[in-house]
Amino acid sequence: MLALSRKQGESIVIGNNIEITVLEAKGDQVKIGISAPKSVPVYRKEIYAQIQKENREAVANLDVESLKKLL
């Protein structure tokens, strides 16, 4: 993991088209802004983990025979 220090208003760039800017730092919270193309999904980590969990459960409960009938 790369750890960087940034002040309010300063940014970092990832690749050629993702920019993360520190908008505000107050106490133990930091507000960040993310500029990325619409084709790049951006999620909070806990939301991403929930999506992954639900996808795994959906695959585990997949009824292959029903899918074969549909095709």
C-alpha atoms as a PDB file:
ATOM      1  CA  MET A   1       0.000   0.000   0.000  1.00  0.00           C
ATOM      2  CA  LEU A   2       1.218   3.455  -0.891  1.00  0.00           C
ATOM      3  CA  ALA A   3       0.518   6.057   1.812  1.00  0.00           C
ATOM      4  CA  LEU A   4       0.546   9.709   0.774  1.00  0.00           C
ATOM      5  CA  SER A   5       0.030  12.888   2.767  1.00  0.00           C
ATOM      6  CA  ARG A   6      -2.125  15.527   1.118  1.00  0.00           C
ATOM      7  CA  LYS A   7      -3.533  18.808   2.368  1.00  0.00           C
ATOM      8  CA  GLN A   8      -6.997  20.161   1.683  1.00  0.00           C
ATOM      9  CA  GLY A   9      -7.303  21.012  -2.008  1.00  0.00           C
ATOM     10  CA  GLU A  10      -4.401  18.767  -3.032  1.00  0.00           C
ATOM     11  CA  SER A  11      -4.860  15.759  -5.304  1.00  0.00           C
ATOM     12  CA  ILE A  12      -3.332  12.520  -6.445  1.00  0.00           C
ATOM     13  CA  VAL A  13      -3.690  11.029  -9.911  1.00  0.00           C
ATOM     14  CA  ILE A  14      -4.113   7.315 -10.638  1.00  0.00           C
ATOM     15  CA  GLY A  15      -3.344   6.256 -14.177  1.00  0.00           C
ATOM     16  CA  ASN A  16      -4.208   8.849 -16.774  1.00  0.00           C
ATOM     17  CA  ASN A  17      -7.802   9.546 -15.890  1.00  0.00           C
ATOM     18  CA  ILE A  18      -8.581   9.178 -12.164  1.00  0.00           C
ATOM     19  CA  GLU A  19      -8.022  12.083  -9.789  1.00  0.00           C
ATOM     20  CA  ILE A  20      -8.637  12.001  -6.039  1.00  0.00           C
ATOM     21  CA  THR A  21      -8.828  15.356  -4.256  1.00  0.00           C
ATOM     22  CA  VAL A  22      -8.923  16.050  -0.521  1.00  0.00           C
ATOM     23  CA  LEU A  23     -11.963  18.301  -0.107  1.00  0.00           C
ATOM     24  CA  GLU A  24     -12.047  18.649   3.663  1.00  0.00           C
ATOM     25  CA  ALA A  25     -10.375  17.224   6.756  1.00  0.00           C
ATOM     26  CA  LYS A  26     -12.239  17.566  10.048  1.00  0.00           C
ATOM     27  CA  GLY A  27     -11.348  15.547  13.133  1.00  0.00           C
ATOM     28  CA  ASP A  28     -11.227  11.867  12.192  1.00  0.00           C
ATOM     29  CA  GLN A  29     -13.113  12.342   8.913  1.00  0.00           C
ATOM     30  CA  VAL A  30     -11.740  13.213   5.502  1.00  0.00           C
ATOM     31  CA  LYS A  31     -13.951  14.142   2.557  1.00  0.00           C
ATOM     32  CA  ILE A  32     -12.531  13.203  -0.809  1.00  0.00           C
ATOM     33  CA  GLY A  33     -13.668  13.882  -4.335  1.00  0.00           C
ATOM     34  CA  ILE A  34     -13.092  11.353  -7.095  1.00  0.00           C
ATOM     35  CA  SER A  35     -13.011  12.288 -10.762  1.00  0.00           C
ATOM     36  CA  ALA A  36     -13.109   9.221 -12.980  1.00  0.00           C
ATOM     37  CA  PRO A  37     -14.665   8.226 -16.297  1.00  0.00           C
ATOM     38  CA  LYS A  38     -18.219   6.878 -16.047  1.00  0.00           C
ATOM     39  CA  SER A  39     -16.895   3.529 -17.257  1.00  0.00           C
ATOM     40  CA  VAL A  40     -14.868   3.169 -14.019  1.00  0.00           C
ATOM     41  CA  PRO A  41     -17.044   1.963 -11.132  1.00  0.00           C
ATOM     42  CA  VAL A  42     -16.329   3.654  -7.790  1.00  0.00           C
ATOM     43  CA  TYR A  43     -17.718   2.092  -4.593  1.00  0.00           C
ATOM     44  CA  ARG A  44     -17.235   2.460  -0.873  1.00  0.00           C
ATOM     45  CA  LYS A  45     -15.402  -0.657   0.282  1.00  0.00           C
ATOM     46  CA  GLU A  46     -18.266  -1.973   2.433  1.00  0.00           C
ATOM     47  CA  ILE A  47     -20.704  -1.628  -0.491  1.00  0.00           C
ATOM     48  CA  TYR A  48     -18.261  -3.379  -2.843  1.00  0.00           C
ATOM     49  CA  ALA A  49     -17.855  -6.237  -0.343  1.00  0.00           C
ATOM     50  CA  GLN A  50     -21.653  -6.613  -0.110  1.00  0.00           C
ATOM     51  CA  ILE A  51     -21.980  -6.729  -3.908  1.00  0.00           C
ATOM     52  CA  GLN A  52     -19.281  -9.417  -4.098  1.00  0.00           C
ATOM     53  CA  LYS A  53     -20.980 -11.456  -1.358  1.00  0.00           C
ATOM     54  CA  GLU A  54     -24.356 -11.287  -3.097  1.00  0.00           C
ATOM     55  CA  ASN A  55     -22.780 -12.275  -6.417  1.00  0.00           C
ATOM     56  CA  ARG A  56     -21.132 -15.325  -4.806  1.00  0.00           C
ATOM     57  CA  GLU A  57     -24.435 -16.333  -3.201  1.00  0.00           C
ATOM     58  CA  ALA A  58     -26.287 -15.940  -6.506  1.00  0.00           C
ATOM     59  CA  VAL A  59     -23.798 -18.220  -8.259  1.00  0.00           C
ATOM     60  CA  ALA A  60     -23.954 -20.767  -5.438  1.00  0.00           C
ATOM     61  CA  ASN A  61     -27.760 -20.882  -5.719  1.00  0.00           C
ATOM     62  CA  LEU A  62     -27.736 -21.086  -9.508  1.00  0.00           C
ATOM     63  CA  ASP A  63     -30.057 -23.709 -10.929  1.00  0.00           C
ATOM     64  CA  VAL A  64     -28.132 -24.946 -13.973  1.00  0.00           C
ATOM     65  CA  GLU A  65     -30.992 -27.109 -15.243  1.00  0.00           C
ATOM     66  CA  SER A  66     -33.377 -24.151 -15.333  1.00  0.00           C
ATOM     67  CA  LEU A  67     -30.788 -22.136 -17.262  1.00  0.00           C
ATOM     68  CA  LYS A  68     -30.353 -24.950 -19.772  1.00  0.00           C
ATOM     69  CA  LYS A  69     -34.112 -24.971 -20.390  1.00  0.00           C
ATOM     70  CA  LEU A  70     -34.074 -21.218 -21.025  1.00  0.00           C
ATOM     71  CA  LEU A  71     -31.314 -21.585 -23.608  1.00  0.00           C
END
